[in-house]
Amino acid sequence: GNTIYPRIALPSHSGVTFAKGQILRLGIILFGFKLTFQD
């Protein structure tokens, strides 16, 4: 982000923003599969 990314930020911005938002939330939801109430 502090070297190469500024040169390709314009075409990549939309996907990177999507990863910080929707993909993050889906990842937190699936994080539940690491747990059971039996623990």
PDB file of all heavy atoms in Angstrom:
ATOM      1  N   GLY A   1       0.795  -1.225   0.000  1.00  0.00           N
ATOM      2  CA  GLY A   1       0.000   0.000   0.000  1.00  0.00           C
ATOM      3  C   GLY A   1       0.821   1.264   0.000  1.00  0.00           C
ATOM      4  O   GLY A   1       0.347   2.309  -0.453  1.00  0.00           O
ATOM      5  N   ASN A   2       2.039   1.176   0.498  1.00  0.00           N
ATOM      6  CA  ASN A   2       2.908   2.354   0.556  1.00  0.00           C
ATOM      7  C   ASN A   2       4.001   2.338  -0.506  1.00  0.00           C
ATOM      8  O   ASN A   2       4.882   3.198  -0.491  1.00  0.00           O
ATOM      9  CB  ASN A   2       3.533   2.466   1.951  1.00  0.00           C
ATOM     10  CG  ASN A   2       2.540   2.905   3.000  1.00  0.00           C
ATOM     11  OD1 ASN A   2       2.358   4.090   3.261  1.00  0.00           O
ATOM     12  ND2 ASN A   2       1.872   1.926   3.605  1.00  0.00           N
ATOM     13  N   THR A   3       3.923   1.364  -1.420  1.00  0.00           N
ATOM     14  CA  THR A   3       4.918   1.288  -2.506  1.00  0.00           C
ATOM     15  C   THR A   3       4.233   1.171  -3.875  1.00  0.00           C
ATOM     16  O   THR A   3       4.137   2.132  -4.616  1.00  0.00           O
ATOM     17  CB  THR A   3       5.871   0.088  -2.282  1.00  0.00           C
ATOM     18  OG1 THR A   3       5.085  -1.109  -2.089  1.00  0.00           O
ATOM     19  CG2 THR A   3       6.749   0.313  -1.059  1.00  0.00           C
ATOM     20  N   ILE A   4       3.697  -0.005  -4.161  1.00  0.00           N
ATOM     21  CA  ILE A   4       3.161  -0.288  -5.497  1.00  0.00           C
ATOM     22  C   ILE A   4       1.698   0.135  -5.648  1.00  0.00           C
ATOM     23  O   ILE A   4       1.292   0.648  -6.692  1.00  0.00           O
ATOM     24  CB  ILE A   4       3.293  -1.804  -5.807  1.00  0.00           C
ATOM     25  CG1 ILE A   4       4.768  -2.217  -5.773  1.00  0.00           C
ATOM     26  CG2 ILE A   4       2.672  -2.148  -7.150  1.00  0.00           C
ATOM     27  CD1 ILE A   4       4.980  -3.716  -5.839  1.00  0.00           C
ATOM     28  N   TYR A   5       0.907  -0.077  -4.602  1.00  0.00           N
ATOM     29  CA  TYR A   5      -0.544   0.083  -4.724  1.00  0.00           C
ATOM     30  C   TYR A   5      -0.992   1.464  -5.215  1.00  0.00           C
ATOM     31  O   TYR A   5      -1.951   1.541  -6.002  1.00  0.00           O
ATOM     32  CB  TYR A   5      -1.224  -0.239  -3.381  1.00  0.00           C
ATOM     33  CG  TYR A   5      -2.719  -0.127  -3.429  1.00  0.00           C
ATOM     34  CD1 TYR A   5      -3.479  -1.022  -4.181  1.00  0.00           C
ATOM     35  CD2 TYR A   5      -3.394   0.887  -2.730  1.00  0.00           C
ATOM     36  CE1 TYR A   5      -4.864  -0.916  -4.245  1.00  0.00           C
ATOM     37  CE2 TYR A   5      -4.774   0.992  -2.787  1.00  0.00           C
ATOM     38  CZ  TYR A   5      -5.507   0.083  -3.545  1.00  0.00           C
ATOM     39  OH  TYR A   5      -6.864   0.194  -3.599  1.00  0.00           O
ATOM     40  N   PRO A   6      -0.378   2.583  -4.793  1.00  0.00           N
ATOM     41  CA  PRO A   6      -0.848   3.882  -5.286  1.00  0.00           C
ATOM     42  C   PRO A   6      -0.907   3.988  -6.808  1.00  0.00           C
ATOM     43  O   PRO A   6      -1.736   4.719  -7.348  1.00  0.00           O
ATOM     44  CB  PRO A   6       0.178   4.869  -4.697  1.00  0.00           C
ATOM     45  CG  PRO A   6       0.640   4.195  -3.442  1.00  0.00           C
ATOM     46  CD  PRO A   6       0.683   2.737  -3.783  1.00  0.00           C
ATOM     47  N   ARG A   7      -0.053   3.211  -7.516  1.00  0.00           N
ATOM     48  CA  ARG A   7      -0.042   3.256  -8.984  1.00  0.00           C
ATOM     49  C   ARG A   7      -1.221   2.506  -9.596  1.00  0.00           C
ATOM     50  O   ARG A   7      -1.598   2.763 -10.741  1.00  0.00           O
ATOM     51  CB  ARG A   7       1.269   2.653  -9.513  1.00  0.00           C
ATOM     52  CG  ARG A   7       2.520   3.342  -8.991  1.00  0.00           C
ATOM     53  CD  ARG A   7       3.760   2.567  -9.370  1.00  0.00           C
ATOM     54  NE  ARG A   7       4.928   3.017  -8.621  1.00  0.00           N
ATOM     55  CZ  ARG A   7       6.097   2.387  -8.609  1.00  0.00           C
ATOM     56  NH1 ARG A   7       6.257   1.283  -9.313  1.00  0.00           N
ATOM     57  NH2 ARG A   7       7.106   2.862  -7.888  1.00  0.00           N
ATOM     58  N   ILE A   8      -1.783   1.555  -8.852  1.00  0.00           N
ATOM     59  CA  ILE A   8      -2.896   0.758  -9.383  1.00  0.00           C
ATOM     60  C   ILE A   8      -4.155   0.937  -8.540  1.00  0.00           C
ATOM     61  O   ILE A   8      -5.092   0.148  -8.627  1.00  0.00           O
ATOM     62  CB  ILE A   8      -2.513  -0.744  -9.444  1.00  0.00           C
ATOM     63  CG1 ILE A   8      -2.083  -1.248  -8.052  1.00  0.00           C
ATOM     64  CG2 ILE A   8      -1.412  -0.995 -10.454  1.00  0.00           C
ATOM     65  CD1 ILE A   8      -1.898  -2.754  -7.992  1.00  0.00           C
ATOM     66  N   ALA A   9      -4.175   1.974  -7.713  1.00  0.00           N
ATOM     67  CA  ALA A   9      -5.291   2.178  -6.778  1.00  0.00           C
ATOM     68  C   ALA A   9      -6.602   2.445  -7.501  1.00  0.00           C
ATOM     69  O   ALA A   9      -7.665   1.980  -7.059  1.00  0.00           O
ATOM     70  CB  ALA A   9      -4.972   3.333  -5.828  1.00  0.00           C
ATOM     71  N   LEU A  10      -6.576   3.166  -8.607  1.00  0.00           N
ATOM     72  CA  LEU A  10      -7.807   3.552  -9.290  1.00  0.00           C
ATOM     73  C   LEU A  10      -8.613   2.339  -9.765  1.00  0.00           C
ATOM     74  O   LEU A  10      -9.792   2.207  -9.425  1.00  0.00           O
ATOM     75  CB  LEU A  10      -7.490   4.496 -10.455  1.00  0.00           C
ATOM     76  CG  LEU A  10      -8.694   5.173 -11.110  1.00  0.00           C
ATOM     77  CD1 LEU A  10      -9.456   6.017 -10.084  1.00  0.00           C
ATOM     78  CD2 LEU A  10      -8.248   6.035 -12.281  1.00  0.00           C
ATOM     79  N   PRO A  11      -8.020   1.401 -10.516  1.00  0.00           N
ATOM     80  CA  PRO A  11      -8.812   0.236 -10.937  1.00  0.00           C
ATOM     81  C   PRO A  11      -9.084  -0.761  -9.811  1.00  0.00           C
ATOM     82  O   PRO A  11     -10.025  -1.552  -9.893  1.00  0.00           O
ATOM     83  CB  PRO A  11      -7.940  -0.409 -12.025  1.00  0.00           C
ATOM     84  CG  PRO A  11      -6.553   0.023 -11.706  1.00  0.00           C
ATOM     85  CD  PRO A  11      -6.688   1.399 -11.136  1.00  0.00           C
ATOM     86  N   SER A  12      -8.278  -0.735  -8.756  1.00  0.00           N
ATOM     87  CA  SER A  12      -8.405  -1.711  -7.671  1.00  0.00           C
ATOM     88  C   SER A  12      -9.289  -1.242  -6.527  1.00  0.00           C
ATOM     89  O   SER A  12      -9.702  -2.051  -5.689  1.00  0.00           O
ATOM     90  CB  SER A  12      -7.016  -2.049  -7.105  1.00  0.00           C
ATOM     91  OG  SER A  12      -6.162  -2.519  -8.120  1.00  0.00           O
ATOM     92  N   HIS A  13      -9.597   0.042  -6.480  1.00  0.00           N
ATOM     93  CA  HIS A  13     -10.269   0.622  -5.314  1.00  0.00           C
ATOM     94  C   HIS A  13     -11.600  -0.062  -4.997  1.00  0.00           C
ATOM     95  O   HIS A  13     -11.895  -0.358  -3.831  1.00  0.00           O
ATOM     96  CB  HIS A  13     -10.492   2.124  -5.537  1.00  0.00           C
ATOM     97  CG  HIS A  13     -11.267   2.787  -4.442  1.00  0.00           C
ATOM     98  ND1 HIS A  13     -10.724   3.048  -3.198  1.00  0.00           N
ATOM     99  CD2 HIS A  13     -12.570   3.211  -4.398  1.00  0.00           C
ATOM    100  CE1 HIS A  13     -11.636   3.607  -2.436  1.00  0.00           C
ATOM    101  NE2 HIS A  13     -12.761   3.723  -3.135  1.00  0.00           N
ATOM    102  N   SER A  14     -12.414  -0.308  -6.015  1.00  0.00           N
ATOM    103  CA  SER A  14     -13.740  -0.879  -5.801  1.00  0.00           C
ATOM    104  C   SER A  14     -13.661  -2.255  -5.135  1.00  0.00           C
ATOM    105  O   SER A  14     -14.360  -2.539  -4.158  1.00  0.00           O
ATOM    106  CB  SER A  14     -14.480  -0.993  -7.137  1.00  0.00           C
ATOM    107  OG  SER A  14     -15.740  -1.592  -6.960  1.00  0.00           O
ATOM    108  N   GLY A  15     -12.794  -3.126  -5.636  1.00  0.00           N
ATOM    109  CA  GLY A  15     -12.653  -4.473  -5.076  1.00  0.00           C
ATOM    110  C   GLY A  15     -12.058  -4.473  -3.684  1.00  0.00           C
ATOM    111  O   GLY A  15     -12.467  -5.259  -2.822  1.00  0.00           O
ATOM    112  N   VAL A  16     -11.086  -3.587  -3.448  1.00  0.00           N
ATOM    113  CA  VAL A  16     -10.462  -3.491  -2.122  1.00  0.00           C
ATOM    114  C   VAL A  16     -11.486  -3.015  -1.100  1.00  0.00           C
ATOM    115  O   VAL A  16     -11.558  -3.531   0.025  1.00  0.00           O
ATOM    116  CB  VAL A  16      -9.239  -2.542  -2.166  1.00  0.00           C
ATOM    117  CG1 VAL A  16      -8.729  -2.245  -0.764  1.00  0.00           C
ATOM    118  CG2 VAL A  16      -8.117  -3.164  -3.008  1.00  0.00           C
ATOM    119  N   THR A  17     -12.308  -2.042  -1.473  1.00  0.00           N
ATOM    120  CA  THR A  17     -13.371  -1.558  -0.586  1.00  0.00           C
ATOM    121  C   THR A  17     -14.375  -2.663  -0.291  1.00  0.00           C
ATOM    122  O   THR A  17     -14.845  -2.812   0.847  1.00  0.00           O
ATOM    123  CB  THR A  17     -14.083  -0.349  -1.218  1.00  0.00           C
ATOM    124  OG1 THR A  17     -13.127   0.690  -1.473  1.00  0.00           O
ATOM    125  CG2 THR A  17     -15.163   0.183  -0.297  1.00  0.00           C
ATOM    126  N   PHE A  18     -14.727  -3.455  -1.303  1.00  0.00           N
ATOM    127  CA  PHE A  18     -15.648  -4.578  -1.122  1.00  0.00           C
ATOM    128  C   PHE A  18     -15.066  -5.597  -0.137  1.00  0.00           C
ATOM    129  O   PHE A  18     -15.794  -6.145   0.703  1.00  0.00           O
ATOM    130  CB  PHE A  18     -15.912  -5.249  -2.478  1.00  0.00           C
ATOM    131  CG  PHE A  18     -16.925  -6.351  -2.426  1.00  0.00           C
ATOM    132  CD1 PHE A  18     -18.276  -6.077  -2.432  1.00  0.00           C
ATOM    133  CD2 PHE A  18     -16.515  -7.676  -2.383  1.00  0.00           C
ATOM    134  CE1 PHE A  18     -19.218  -7.098  -2.382  1.00  0.00           C
ATOM    135  CE2 PHE A  18     -17.443  -8.708  -2.327  1.00  0.00           C
ATOM    136  CZ  PHE A  18     -18.799  -8.420  -2.335  1.00  0.00           C
ATOM    137  N   ALA A  19     -13.769  -5.838  -0.229  1.00  0.00           N
ATOM    138  CA  ALA A  19     -13.109  -6.786   0.688  1.00  0.00           C
ATOM    139  C   ALA A  19     -13.136  -6.276   2.122  1.00  0.00           C
ATOM    140  O   ALA A  19     -13.301  -7.060   3.068  1.00  0.00           O
ATOM    141  CB  ALA A  19     -11.668  -7.033   0.238  1.00  0.00           C
ATOM    142  N   LYS A  20     -12.980  -4.961   2.318  1.00  0.00           N
ATOM    143  CA  LYS A  20     -13.009  -4.379   3.666  1.00  0.00           C
ATOM    144  C   LYS A  20     -14.418  -4.367   4.259  1.00  0.00           C
ATOM    145  O   LYS A  20     -14.557  -4.244   5.477  1.00  0.00           O
ATOM    146  CB  LYS A  20     -12.486  -2.935   3.639  1.00  0.00           C
ATOM    147  CG  LYS A  20     -11.006  -2.810   3.362  1.00  0.00           C
ATOM    148  CD  LYS A  20     -10.489  -1.425   3.701  1.00  0.00           C
ATOM    149  CE  LYS A  20     -11.127  -0.355   2.876  1.00  0.00           C
ATOM    150  NZ  LYS A  20     -10.598   0.993   3.199  1.00  0.00           N
ATOM    151  N   GLY A  21     -15.432  -4.505   3.407  1.00  0.00           N
ATOM    152  CA  GLY A  21     -16.804  -4.439   3.868  1.00  0.00           C
ATOM    153  C   GLY A  21     -17.496  -5.782   3.892  1.00  0.00           C
ATOM    154  O   GLY A  21     -17.507  -6.495   4.902  1.00  0.00           O
ATOM    155  N   GLN A  22     -18.048  -6.172   2.752  1.00  0.00           N
ATOM    156  CA  GLN A  22     -18.858  -7.390   2.684  1.00  0.00           C
ATOM    157  C   GLN A  22     -18.060  -8.663   2.965  1.00  0.00           C
ATOM    158  O   GLN A  22     -18.539  -9.569   3.662  1.00  0.00           O
ATOM    159  CB  GLN A  22     -19.530  -7.490   1.310  1.00  0.00           C
ATOM    160  CG  GLN A  22     -20.702  -6.543   1.132  1.00  0.00           C
ATOM    161  CD  GLN A  22     -20.275  -5.133   0.737  1.00  0.00           C
ATOM    162  OE1 GLN A  22     -19.109  -4.785   0.842  1.00  0.00           O
ATOM    163  NE2 GLN A  22     -21.228  -4.327   0.285  1.00  0.00           N
ATOM    164  N   ILE A  23     -16.855  -8.756   2.420  1.00  0.00           N
ATOM    165  CA  ILE A  23     -16.048  -9.969   2.653  1.00  0.00           C
ATOM    166  C   ILE A  23     -15.660 -10.070   4.123  1.00  0.00           C
ATOM    167  O   ILE A  23     -15.646 -11.171   4.706  1.00  0.00           O
ATOM    168  CB  ILE A  23     -14.808  -9.973   1.738  1.00  0.00           C
ATOM    169  CG1 ILE A  23     -15.245 -10.297   0.304  1.00  0.00           C
ATOM    170  CG2 ILE A  23     -13.768 -10.986   2.207  1.00  0.00           C
ATOM    171  CD1 ILE A  23     -14.132 -10.350  -0.706  1.00  0.00           C
ATOM    172  N   LEU A  24     -15.357  -8.945   4.739  1.00  0.00           N
ATOM    173  CA  LEU A  24     -15.037  -8.942   6.168  1.00  0.00           C
ATOM    174  C   LEU A  24     -16.215  -9.476   6.980  1.00  0.00           C
ATOM    175  O   LEU A  24     -16.040 -10.334   7.861  1.00  0.00           O
ATOM    176  CB  LEU A  24     -14.684  -7.527   6.618  1.00  0.00           C
ATOM    177  CG  LEU A  24     -14.612  -7.281   8.126  1.00  0.00           C
ATOM    178  CD1 LEU A  24     -13.578  -8.182   8.780  1.00  0.00           C
ATOM    179  CD2 LEU A  24     -14.305  -5.819   8.422  1.00  0.00           C
ATOM    180  N   ARG A  25     -17.407  -9.005   6.706  1.00  0.00           N
ATOM    181  CA  ARG A  25     -18.580  -9.439   7.467  1.00  0.00           C
ATOM    182  C   ARG A  25     -18.860 -10.933   7.281  1.00  0.00           C
ATOM    183  O   ARG A  25     -19.181 -11.643   8.237  1.00  0.00           O
ATOM    184  CB  ARG A  25     -19.798  -8.611   7.052  1.00  0.00           C
ATOM    185  CG  ARG A  25     -19.755  -7.171   7.576  1.00  0.00           C
ATOM    186  CD  ARG A  25     -20.793  -6.302   6.863  1.00  0.00           C
ATOM    187  NE  ARG A  25     -20.878  -4.966   7.443  1.00  0.00           N
ATOM    188  CZ  ARG A  25     -20.024  -3.988   7.219  1.00  0.00           C
ATOM    189  NH1 ARG A  25     -18.979  -4.190   6.418  1.00  0.00           N
ATOM    190  NH2 ARG A  25     -20.171  -2.793   7.792  1.00  0.00           N
ATOM    191  N   LEU A  26     -18.705 -11.416   6.043  1.00  0.00           N
ATOM    192  CA  LEU A  26     -18.895 -12.846   5.789  1.00  0.00           C
ATOM    193  C   LEU A  26     -17.849 -13.663   6.542  1.00  0.00           C
ATOM    194  O   LEU A  26     -18.146 -14.730   7.090  1.00  0.00           O
ATOM    195  CB  LEU A  26     -18.812 -13.120   4.287  1.00  0.00           C
ATOM    196  CG  LEU A  26     -18.968 -14.586   3.855  1.00  0.00           C
ATOM    197  CD1 LEU A  26     -20.291 -15.165   4.334  1.00  0.00           C
ATOM    198  CD2 LEU A  26     -18.835 -14.706   2.337  1.00  0.00           C
ATOM    199  N   GLY A  27     -16.617 -13.146   6.589  1.00  0.00           N
ATOM    200  CA  GLY A  27     -15.557 -13.834   7.327  1.00  0.00           C
ATOM    201  C   GLY A  27     -15.847 -13.934   8.810  1.00  0.00           C
ATOM    202  O   GLY A  27     -15.587 -14.977   9.431  1.00  0.00           O
ATOM    203  N   ILE A  28     -16.402 -12.873   9.393  1.00  0.00           N
ATOM    204  CA  ILE A  28     -16.760 -12.905  10.817  1.00  0.00           C
ATOM    205  C   ILE A  28     -17.871 -13.912  11.067  1.00  0.00           C
ATOM    206  O   ILE A  28     -17.863 -14.648  12.060  1.00  0.00           O
ATOM    207  CB  ILE A  28     -17.180 -11.502  11.302  1.00  0.00           C
ATOM    208  CG1 ILE A  28     -15.992 -10.515  11.209  1.00  0.00           C
ATOM    209  CG2 ILE A  28     -17.688 -11.559  12.739  1.00  0.00           C
ATOM    210  CD1 ILE A  28     -14.797 -10.883  12.047  1.00  0.00           C
ATOM    211  N   ILE A  29     -18.851 -13.985  10.157  1.00  0.00           N
ATOM    212  CA  ILE A  29     -19.942 -14.960  10.307  1.00  0.00           C
ATOM    213  C   ILE A  29     -19.392 -16.390  10.283  1.00  0.00           C
ATOM    214  O   ILE A  29     -19.710 -17.208  11.152  1.00  0.00           O
ATOM    215  CB  ILE A  29     -20.993 -14.759   9.193  1.00  0.00           C
ATOM    216  CG1 ILE A  29     -21.747 -13.444   9.410  1.00  0.00           C
ATOM    217  CG2 ILE A  29     -21.974 -15.931   9.151  1.00  0.00           C
ATOM    218  CD1 ILE A  29     -22.632 -13.036   8.246  1.00  0.00           C
ATOM    219  N   LEU A  30     -18.556 -16.699   9.306  1.00  0.00           N
ATOM    220  CA  LEU A  30     -18.006 -18.052   9.182  1.00  0.00           C
ATOM    221  C   LEU A  30     -17.022 -18.381  10.306  1.00  0.00           C
ATOM    222  O   LEU A  30     -16.732 -19.553  10.549  1.00  0.00           O
ATOM    223  CB  LEU A  30     -17.319 -18.224   7.824  1.00  0.00           C
ATOM    224  CG  LEU A  30     -18.240 -18.213   6.599  1.00  0.00           C
ATOM    225  CD1 LEU A  30     -17.423 -18.397   5.325  1.00  0.00           C
ATOM    226  CD2 LEU A  30     -19.304 -19.285   6.707  1.00  0.00           C
ATOM    227  N   PHE A  31     -16.539 -17.357  10.996  1.00  0.00           N
ATOM    228  CA  PHE A  31     -15.641 -17.564  12.134  1.00  0.00           C
ATOM    229  C   PHE A  31     -16.319 -18.425  13.204  1.00  0.00           C
ATOM    230  O   PHE A  31     -15.663 -19.087  13.998  1.00  0.00           O
ATOM    231  CB  PHE A  31     -15.240 -16.206  12.718  1.00  0.00           C
ATOM    232  CG  PHE A  31     -14.010 -16.234  13.586  1.00  0.00           C
ATOM    233  CD1 PHE A  31     -12.773 -16.523  13.042  1.00  0.00           C
ATOM    234  CD2 PHE A  31     -14.087 -15.961  14.944  1.00  0.00           C
ATOM    235  CE1 PHE A  31     -11.626 -16.543  13.843  1.00  0.00           C
ATOM    236  CE2 PHE A  31     -12.962 -15.981  15.749  1.00  0.00           C
ATOM    237  CZ  PHE A  31     -11.727 -16.265  15.191  1.00  0.00           C
ATOM    238  N   GLY A  32     -17.654 -18.428  13.201  1.00  0.00           N
ATOM    239  CA  GLY A  32     -18.411 -19.224  14.160  1.00  0.00           C
ATOM    240  C   GLY A  32     -18.168 -20.720  14.026  1.00  0.00           C
ATOM    241  O   GLY A  32     -18.386 -21.475  14.990  1.00  0.00           O
ATOM    242  N   PHE A  33     -17.721 -21.175  12.854  1.00  0.00           N
ATOM    243  CA  PHE A  33     -17.466 -22.604  12.670  1.00  0.00           C
ATOM    244  C   PHE A  33     -16.213 -23.079  13.411  1.00  0.00           C
ATOM    245  O   PHE A  33     -15.939 -24.275  13.453  1.00  0.00           O
ATOM    246  CB  PHE A  33     -17.351 -22.941  11.177  1.00  0.00           C
ATOM    247  CG  PHE A  33     -18.686 -23.108  10.514  1.00  0.00           C
ATOM    248  CD1 PHE A  33     -19.229 -22.087   9.754  1.00  0.00           C
ATOM    249  CD2 PHE A  33     -19.423 -24.270  10.675  1.00  0.00           C
ATOM    250  CE1 PHE A  33     -20.472 -22.223   9.154  1.00  0.00           C
ATOM    251  CE2 PHE A  33     -20.658 -24.421  10.081  1.00  0.00           C
ATOM    252  CZ  PHE A  33     -21.191 -23.398   9.324  1.00  0.00           C
ATOM    253  N   LYS A  34     -15.475 -22.164  14.012  1.00  0.00           N
ATOM    254  CA  LYS A  34     -14.327 -22.555  14.829  1.00  0.00           C
ATOM    255  C   LYS A  34     -14.748 -22.876  16.263  1.00  0.00           C
ATOM    256  O   LYS A  34     -13.915 -23.272  17.077  1.00  0.00           O
ATOM    257  CB  LYS A  34     -13.284 -21.432  14.839  1.00  0.00           C
ATOM    258  CG  LYS A  34     -12.655 -21.172  13.478  1.00  0.00           C
ATOM    259  CD  LYS A  34     -11.537 -20.154  13.554  1.00  0.00           C
ATOM    260  CE  LYS A  34     -10.908 -19.958  12.179  1.00  0.00           C
ATOM    261  NZ  LYS A  34      -9.777 -19.001  12.208  1.00  0.00           N
ATOM    262  N   LEU A  35     -16.032 -22.692  16.567  1.00  0.00           N
ATOM    263  CA  LEU A  35     -16.510 -22.828  17.943  1.00  0.00           C
ATOM    264  C   LEU A  35     -17.672 -23.804  18.035  1.00  0.00           C
ATOM    265  O   LEU A  35     -18.405 -24.005  17.074  1.00  0.00           O
ATOM    266  CB  LEU A  35     -16.993 -21.460  18.468  1.00  0.00           C
ATOM    267  CG  LEU A  35     -16.054 -20.277  18.336  1.00  0.00           C
ATOM    268  CD1 LEU A  35     -16.816 -19.005  18.628  1.00  0.00           C
ATOM    269  CD2 LEU A  35     -14.894 -20.411  19.278  1.00  0.00           C
ATOM    270  N   THR A  36     -17.836 -24.371  19.207  1.00  0.00           N
ATOM    271  CA  THR A  36     -19.058 -25.118  19.545  1.00  0.00           C
ATOM    272  C   THR A  36     -19.418 -24.781  20.987  1.00  0.00           C
ATOM    273  O   THR A  36     -18.540 -24.433  21.792  1.00  0.00           O
ATOM    274  CB  THR A  36     -18.866 -26.647  19.436  1.00  0.00           C
ATOM    275  OG1 THR A  36     -17.928 -27.088  20.423  1.00  0.00           O
ATOM    276  CG2 THR A  36     -18.396 -27.060  18.056  1.00  0.00           C
ATOM    277  N   PHE A  37     -20.690 -24.884  21.300  1.00  0.00           N
ATOM    278  CA  PHE A  37     -21.111 -24.626  22.672  1.00  0.00           C
ATOM    279  C   PHE A  37     -20.610 -25.717  23.630  1.00  0.00           C
ATOM    280  O   PHE A  37     -20.546 -25.508  24.831  1.00  0.00           O
ATOM    281  CB  PHE A  37     -22.634 -24.509  22.748  1.00  0.00           C
ATOM    282  CG  PHE A  37     -23.174 -23.296  22.031  1.00  0.00           C
ATOM    283  CD1 PHE A  37     -24.408 -23.340  21.398  1.00  0.00           C
ATOM    284  CD2 PHE A  37     -22.451 -22.117  21.988  1.00  0.00           C
ATOM    285  CE1 PHE A  37     -24.917 -22.221  20.743  1.00  0.00           C
ATOM    286  CE2 PHE A  37     -22.943 -20.999  21.330  1.00  0.00           C
ATOM    287  CZ  PHE A  37     -24.177 -21.049  20.707  1.00  0.00           C
ATOM    288  N   GLN A  38     -20.246 -26.869  23.065  1.00  0.00           N
ATOM    289  CA  GLN A  38     -19.681 -27.937  23.905  1.00  0.00           C
ATOM    290  C   GLN A  38     -18.323 -27.535  24.473  1.00  0.00           C
ATOM    291  O   GLN A  38     -17.903 -28.049  25.524  1.00  0.00           O
ATOM    292  CB  GLN A  38     -19.534 -29.233  23.105  1.00  0.00           C
ATOM    293  CG  GLN A  38     -20.843 -29.934  22.802  1.00  0.00           C
ATOM    294  CD  GLN A  38     -21.510 -29.405  21.535  1.00  0.00           C
ATOM    295  OE1 GLN A  38     -21.115 -28.363  21.014  1.00  0.00           O
ATOM    296  NE2 GLN A  38     -22.533 -30.097  21.064  1.00  0.00           N
ATOM    297  N   ASP A  39     -17.637 -26.605  23.785  1.00  0.00           N
ATOM    298  CA  ASP A  39     -16.342 -26.125  24.281  1.00  0.00           C
ATOM    299  C   ASP A  39     -16.490 -25.484  25.659  1.00  0.00           C
ATOM    300  O   ASP A  39     -15.575 -25.548  26.494  1.00  0.00           O
ATOM    301  CB  ASP A  39     -15.739 -25.095  23.314  1.00  0.00           C
ATOM    302  CG  ASP A  39     -15.331 -25.720  21.988  1.00  0.00           C
ATOM    303  OD1 ASP A  39     -15.077 -26.944  21.965  1.00  0.00           O
ATOM    304  OD2 ASP A  39     -15.275 -24.987  20.994  1.00  0.00           O
TER     305      ASP A  39
END
